[in-house]
Amino acid sequence: PEGPYETLAGYVMATLGHVPRVGEAVEVDGHRLEVSELDGRRISRVRVTPVTAPELEETG
């Protein structure tokens, strides 16, 4: 997705609208982007996992 960000971490922060906590996640294009590590206020690691069909139905 296009927007005012240049990194995956920037996308996650822009989508959430705040500095996330470890464990917060967003879903985009069939993938879950979960914050797995922070360095202060900076996201230093994001776990990307595919969302399966049953998970898509549960969330929405």
PDB file of N, CA and C in Angstrom:
ATOM      1  N   PRO A   1       0.818  -1.207   0.000  1.00  0.00           N
ATOM      2  CA  PRO A   1       0.000   0.000   0.000  1.00  0.00           C
ATOM      3  C   PRO A   1       0.858   1.264   0.000  1.00  0.00           C
ATOM      4  N   GLU A   2       0.410   2.241  -0.733  1.00  0.00           N
ATOM      5  CA  GLU A   2       1.153   3.493  -0.789  1.00  0.00           C
ATOM      6  C   GLU A   2       0.709   4.412   0.329  1.00  0.00           C
ATOM      7  N   GLY A   3       1.637   5.248   0.792  1.00  0.00           N
ATOM      8  CA  GLY A   3       1.325   6.193   1.847  1.00  0.00           C
ATOM      9  C   GLY A   3       2.565   6.930   2.299  1.00  0.00           C
ATOM     10  N   PRO A   4       2.465   7.631   3.409  1.00  0.00           N
ATOM     11  CA  PRO A   4       3.574   8.460   3.892  1.00  0.00           C
ATOM     12  C   PRO A   4       4.596   7.673   4.717  1.00  0.00           C
ATOM     13  N   TYR A   5       5.027   6.517   4.247  1.00  0.00           N
ATOM     14  CA  TYR A   5       5.976   5.684   4.976  1.00  0.00           C
ATOM     15  C   TYR A   5       6.921   5.053   3.966  1.00  0.00           C
ATOM     16  N   GLU A   6       8.103   4.697   4.436  1.00  0.00           N
ATOM     17  CA  GLU A   6       9.096   4.090   3.556  1.00  0.00           C
ATOM     18  C   GLU A   6       9.506   2.701   4.013  1.00  0.00           C
ATOM     19  N   THR A   7       9.040   2.270   5.182  1.00  0.00           N
ATOM     20  CA  THR A   7       9.421   0.967   5.724  1.00  0.00           C
ATOM     21  C   THR A   7       8.184   0.204   6.185  1.00  0.00           C
ATOM     22  N   LEU A   8       8.362  -1.077   6.408  1.00  0.00           N
ATOM     23  CA  LEU A   8       7.282  -1.900   6.947  1.00  0.00           C
ATOM     24  C   LEU A   8       6.882  -1.393   8.330  1.00  0.00           C
ATOM     25  N   ALA A   9       7.872  -1.056   9.144  1.00  0.00           N
ATOM     26  CA  ALA A   9       7.588  -0.525  10.481  1.00  0.00           C
ATOM     27  C   ALA A   9       6.802   0.783  10.388  1.00  0.00           C
ATOM     28  N   GLY A  10       7.163   1.627   9.436  1.00  0.00           N
ATOM     29  CA  GLY A  10       6.431   2.875   9.233  1.00  0.00           C
ATOM     30  C   GLY A  10       4.992   2.629   8.827  1.00  0.00           C
ATOM     31  N   TYR A  11       4.774   1.621   7.996  1.00  0.00           N
ATOM     32  CA  TYR A  11       3.411   1.258   7.600  1.00  0.00           C
ATOM     33  C   TYR A  11       2.598   0.817   8.813  1.00  0.00           C
ATOM     34  N   VAL A  12       3.195  -0.032   9.649  1.00  0.00           N
ATOM     35  CA  VAL A  12       2.492  -0.519  10.841  1.00  0.00           C
ATOM     36  C   VAL A  12       2.118   0.653  11.744  1.00  0.00           C
ATOM     37  N   MET A  13       3.066   1.563  11.988  1.00  0.00           N
ATOM     38  CA  MET A  13       2.780   2.716  12.853  1.00  0.00           C
ATOM     39  C   MET A  13       1.707   3.611  12.246  1.00  0.00           C
ATOM     40  N   ALA A  14       1.778   3.851  10.946  1.00  0.00           N
ATOM     41  CA  ALA A  14       0.785   4.708  10.288  1.00  0.00           C
ATOM     42  C   ALA A  14      -0.600   4.073  10.340  1.00  0.00           C
ATOM     43  N   THR A  15      -0.671   2.773  10.166  1.00  0.00           N
ATOM     44  CA  THR A  15      -1.955   2.077  10.183  1.00  0.00           C
ATOM     45  C   THR A  15      -2.568   2.077  11.574  1.00  0.00           C
ATOM     46  N   LEU A  16      -1.743   1.834  12.593  1.00  0.00           N
ATOM     47  CA  LEU A  16      -2.248   1.821  13.967  1.00  0.00           C
ATOM     48  C   LEU A  16      -2.540   3.232  14.481  1.00  0.00           C
ATOM     49  N   GLY A  17      -1.778   4.202  14.017  1.00  0.00           N
ATOM     50  CA  GLY A  17      -1.988   5.576  14.452  1.00  0.00           C
ATOM     51  C   GLY A  17      -1.321   5.912  15.772  1.00  0.00           C
ATOM     52  N   HIS A  18      -0.445   5.024  16.259  1.00  0.00           N
ATOM     53  CA  HIS A  18       0.289   5.277  17.501  1.00  0.00           C
ATOM     54  C   HIS A  18       1.517   4.376  17.557  1.00  0.00           C
ATOM     55  N   VAL A  19       2.393   4.658  18.514  1.00  0.00           N
ATOM     56  CA  VAL A  19       3.546   3.782  18.720  1.00  0.00           C
ATOM     57  C   VAL A  19       3.019   2.499  19.348  1.00  0.00           C
ATOM     58  N   PRO A  20       3.194   1.378  18.688  1.00  0.00           N
ATOM     59  CA  PRO A  20       2.588   0.135  19.169  1.00  0.00           C
ATOM     60  C   PRO A  20       3.346  -0.501  20.323  1.00  0.00           C
ATOM     61  N   ARG A  21       2.682  -1.446  20.948  1.00  0.00           N
ATOM     62  CA  ARG A  21       3.308  -2.304  21.954  1.00  0.00           C
ATOM     63  C   ARG A  21       3.644  -3.624  21.272  1.00  0.00           C
ATOM     64  N   VAL A  22       4.570  -4.357  21.858  1.00  0.00           N
ATOM     65  CA  VAL A  22       4.888  -5.687  21.343  1.00  0.00           C
ATOM     66  C   VAL A  22       3.612  -6.526  21.363  1.00  0.00           C
ATOM     67  N   GLY A  23       3.349  -7.207  20.280  1.00  0.00           N
ATOM     68  CA  GLY A  23       2.157  -8.046  20.165  1.00  0.00           C
ATOM     69  C   GLY A  23       1.038  -7.404  19.371  1.00  0.00           C
ATOM     70  N   GLU A  24       1.047  -6.081  19.201  1.00  0.00           N
ATOM     71  CA  GLU A  24       0.011  -5.444  18.382  1.00  0.00           C
ATOM     72  C   GLU A  24       0.243  -5.809  16.920  1.00  0.00           C
ATOM     73  N   ALA A  25      -0.832  -5.886  16.159  1.00  0.00           N
ATOM     74  CA  ALA A  25      -0.713  -6.324  14.771  1.00  0.00           C
ATOM     75  C   ALA A  25      -1.743  -5.641  13.890  1.00  0.00           C
ATOM     76  N   VAL A  26      -1.443  -5.631  12.601  1.00  0.00           N
ATOM     77  CA  VAL A  26      -2.377  -5.178  11.571  1.00  0.00           C
ATOM     78  C   VAL A  26      -2.417  -6.255  10.493  1.00  0.00           C
ATOM     79  N   GLU A  27      -3.478  -6.276   9.715  1.00  0.00           N
ATOM     80  CA  GLU A  27      -3.582  -7.218   8.606  1.00  0.00           C
ATOM     81  C   GLU A  27      -3.679  -6.443   7.307  1.00  0.00           C
ATOM     82  N   VAL A  28      -2.946  -6.917   6.307  1.00  0.00           N
ATOM     83  CA  VAL A  28      -2.958  -6.286   4.990  1.00  0.00           C
ATOM     84  C   VAL A  28      -2.721  -7.357   3.928  1.00  0.00           C
ATOM     85  N   ASP A  29      -3.542  -7.338   2.904  1.00  0.00           N
ATOM     86  CA  ASP A  29      -3.378  -8.233   1.752  1.00  0.00           C
ATOM     87  C   ASP A  29      -3.124  -9.681   2.149  1.00  0.00           C
ATOM     88  N   GLY A  30      -3.883 -10.181   3.111  1.00  0.00           N
ATOM     89  CA  GLY A  30      -3.772 -11.581   3.491  1.00  0.00           C
ATOM     90  C   GLY A  30      -2.593 -11.924   4.381  1.00  0.00           C
ATOM     91  N   HIS A  31      -1.964 -10.902   4.975  1.00  0.00           N
ATOM     92  CA  HIS A  31      -0.834 -11.127   5.872  1.00  0.00           C
ATOM     93  C   HIS A  31      -1.043 -10.380   7.183  1.00  0.00           C
ATOM     94  N   ARG A  32      -0.574 -10.985   8.252  1.00  0.00           N
ATOM     95  CA  ARG A  32      -0.611 -10.366   9.578  1.00  0.00           C
ATOM     96  C   ARG A  32       0.782  -9.828   9.875  1.00  0.00           C
ATOM     97  N   LEU A  33       0.872  -8.542  10.220  1.00  0.00           N
ATOM     98  CA  LEU A  33       2.129  -7.894  10.563  1.00  0.00           C
ATOM     99  C   LEU A  33       2.106  -7.620  12.060  1.00  0.00           C
ATOM    100  N   GLU A  34       2.869  -8.390  12.821  1.00  0.00           N
ATOM    101  CA  GLU A  34       2.860  -8.292  14.282  1.00  0.00           C
ATOM    102  C   GLU A  34       4.172  -7.707  14.781  1.00  0.00           C
ATOM    103  N   VAL A  35       4.073  -6.699  15.632  1.00  0.00           N
ATOM    104  CA  VAL A  35       5.260  -6.104  16.242  1.00  0.00           C
ATOM    105  C   VAL A  35       5.832  -7.114  17.224  1.00  0.00           C
ATOM    106  N   SER A  36       7.057  -7.554  16.974  1.00  0.00           N
ATOM    107  CA  SER A  36       7.651  -8.557  17.857  1.00  0.00           C
ATOM    108  C   SER A  36       8.794  -8.006  18.696  1.00  0.00           C
ATOM    109  N   GLU A  37       9.292  -6.809  18.352  1.00  0.00           N
ATOM    110  CA  GLU A  37      10.378  -6.225  19.141  1.00  0.00           C
ATOM    111  C   GLU A  37      10.411  -4.714  18.946  1.00  0.00           C
ATOM    112  N   LEU A  38      10.626  -3.993  20.043  1.00  0.00           N
ATOM    113  CA  LEU A  38      10.760  -2.541  20.006  1.00  0.00           C
ATOM    114  C   LEU A  38      12.133  -2.144  20.527  1.00  0.00           C
ATOM    115  N   ASP A  39      12.636  -1.009  20.018  1.00  0.00           N
ATOM    116  CA  ASP A  39      13.858  -0.399  20.526  1.00  0.00           C
ATOM    117  C   ASP A  39      13.465   1.017  20.920  1.00  0.00           C
ATOM    118  N   GLY A  40      13.043   1.172  22.163  1.00  0.00           N
ATOM    119  CA  GLY A  40      12.478   2.450  22.590  1.00  0.00           C
ATOM    120  C   GLY A  40      11.137   2.652  21.916  1.00  0.00           C
ATOM    121  N   ARG A  41      11.023   3.747  21.141  1.00  0.00           N
ATOM    122  CA  ARG A  41       9.776   4.031  20.428  1.00  0.00           C
ATOM    123  C   ARG A  41       9.831   3.560  18.975  1.00  0.00           C
ATOM    124  N   ARG A  42      10.882   2.831  18.624  1.00  0.00           N
ATOM    125  CA  ARG A  42      11.080   2.378  17.242  1.00  0.00           C
ATOM    126  C   ARG A  42      10.789   0.887  17.120  1.00  0.00           C
ATOM    127  N   ILE A  43      10.031   0.517  16.106  1.00  0.00           N
ATOM    128  CA  ILE A  43       9.792  -0.901  15.833  1.00  0.00           C
ATOM    129  C   ILE A  43      11.076  -1.470  15.235  1.00  0.00           C
ATOM    130  N   SER A  44      11.640  -2.476  15.885  1.00  0.00           N
ATOM    131  CA  SER A  44      12.874  -3.056  15.367  1.00  0.00           C
ATOM    132  C   SER A  44      12.664  -4.425  14.723  1.00  0.00           C
ATOM    133  N   ARG A  45      11.511  -5.053  14.981  1.00  0.00           N
ATOM    134  CA  ARG A  45      11.248  -6.355  14.357  1.00  0.00           C
ATOM    135  C   ARG A  45       9.750  -6.550  14.170  1.00  0.00           C
ATOM    136  N   VAL A  46       9.384  -7.018  12.983  1.00  0.00           N
ATOM    137  CA  VAL A  46       7.991  -7.306  12.648  1.00  0.00           C
ATOM    138  C   VAL A  46       7.917  -8.745  12.153  1.00  0.00           C
ATOM    139  N   ARG A  47       6.973  -9.495  12.686  1.00  0.00           N
ATOM    140  CA  ARG A  47       6.745 -10.872  12.230  1.00  0.00           C
ATOM    141  C   ARG A  47       5.629 -10.838  11.189  1.00  0.00           C
ATOM    142  N   VAL A  48       5.899 -11.388  10.021  1.00  0.00           N
ATOM    143  CA  VAL A  48       4.923 -11.426   8.931  1.00  0.00           C
ATOM    144  C   VAL A  48       4.470 -12.871   8.755  1.00  0.00           C
ATOM    145  N   THR A  49       3.161 -13.090   8.872  1.00  0.00           N
ATOM    146  CA  THR A  49       2.618 -14.434   8.694  1.00  0.00           C
ATOM    147  C   THR A  49       1.396 -14.366   7.785  1.00  0.00           C
ATOM    148  N   PRO A  50       1.205 -15.379   6.959  1.00  0.00           N
ATOM    149  CA  PRO A  50       0.004 -15.403   6.119  1.00  0.00           C
ATOM    150  C   PRO A  50      -1.228 -15.660   6.974  1.00  0.00           C
ATOM    151  N   VAL A  51      -2.323 -15.054   6.578  1.00  0.00           N
ATOM    152  CA  VAL A  51      -3.597 -15.263   7.265  1.00  0.00           C
ATOM    153  C   VAL A  51      -4.347 -16.332   6.483  1.00  0.00           C
ATOM    154  N   THR A  52      -4.733 -17.394   7.165  1.00  0.00           N
ATOM    155  CA  THR A  52      -5.462 -18.472   6.501  1.00  0.00           C
ATOM    156  C   THR A  52      -6.931 -18.109   6.375  1.00  0.00           C
ATOM    157  N   ALA A  53      -7.646 -18.815   5.538  1.00  0.00           N
ATOM    158  CA  ALA A  53      -9.063 -18.532   5.292  1.00  0.00           C
ATOM    159  C   ALA A  53      -9.901 -18.529   6.569  1.00  0.00           C
ATOM    160  N   PRO A  54      -9.790 -19.523   7.486  1.00  0.00           N
ATOM    161  CA  PRO A  54     -10.593 -19.473   8.714  1.00  0.00           C
ATOM    162  C   PRO A  54     -10.288 -18.241   9.572  1.00  0.00           C
ATOM    163  N   GLU A  55      -9.015 -17.809   9.620  1.00  0.00           N
ATOM    164  CA  GLU A  55      -8.671 -16.610  10.384  1.00  0.00           C
ATOM    165  C   GLU A  55      -9.315 -15.380   9.761  1.00  0.00           C
ATOM    166  N   LEU A  56      -9.351 -15.315   8.432  1.00  0.00           N
ATOM    167  CA  LEU A  56      -9.994 -14.186   7.766  1.00  0.00           C
ATOM    168  C   LEU A  56     -11.472 -14.123   8.111  1.00  0.00           C
ATOM    169  N   GLU A  57     -12.146 -15.255   8.173  1.00  0.00           N
ATOM    170  CA  GLU A  57     -13.569 -15.287   8.502  1.00  0.00           C
ATOM    171  C   GLU A  57     -13.816 -14.850   9.938  1.00  0.00           C
ATOM    172  N   GLU A  58     -12.930 -15.226  10.879  1.00  0.00           N
ATOM    173  CA  GLU A  58     -13.102 -14.865  12.285  1.00  0.00           C
ATOM    174  C   GLU A  58     -12.942 -13.377  12.499  1.00  0.00           C
ATOM    175  N   THR A  59     -11.984 -12.724  11.789  1.00  0.00           N
ATOM    176  CA  THR A  59     -11.726 -11.311  12.010  1.00  0.00           C
ATOM    177  C   THR A  59     -12.615 -10.422  11.160  1.00  0.00           C
ATOM    178  N   GLY A  60     -13.342 -11.018  10.247  1.00  0.00           N
ATOM    179  CA  GLY A  60     -14.146 -10.242   9.565  1.00  0.00           C
ATOM    180  C   GLY A  60     -14.835  -9.845   8.517  1.00  0.00           C
TER     181      GLY A  60
END
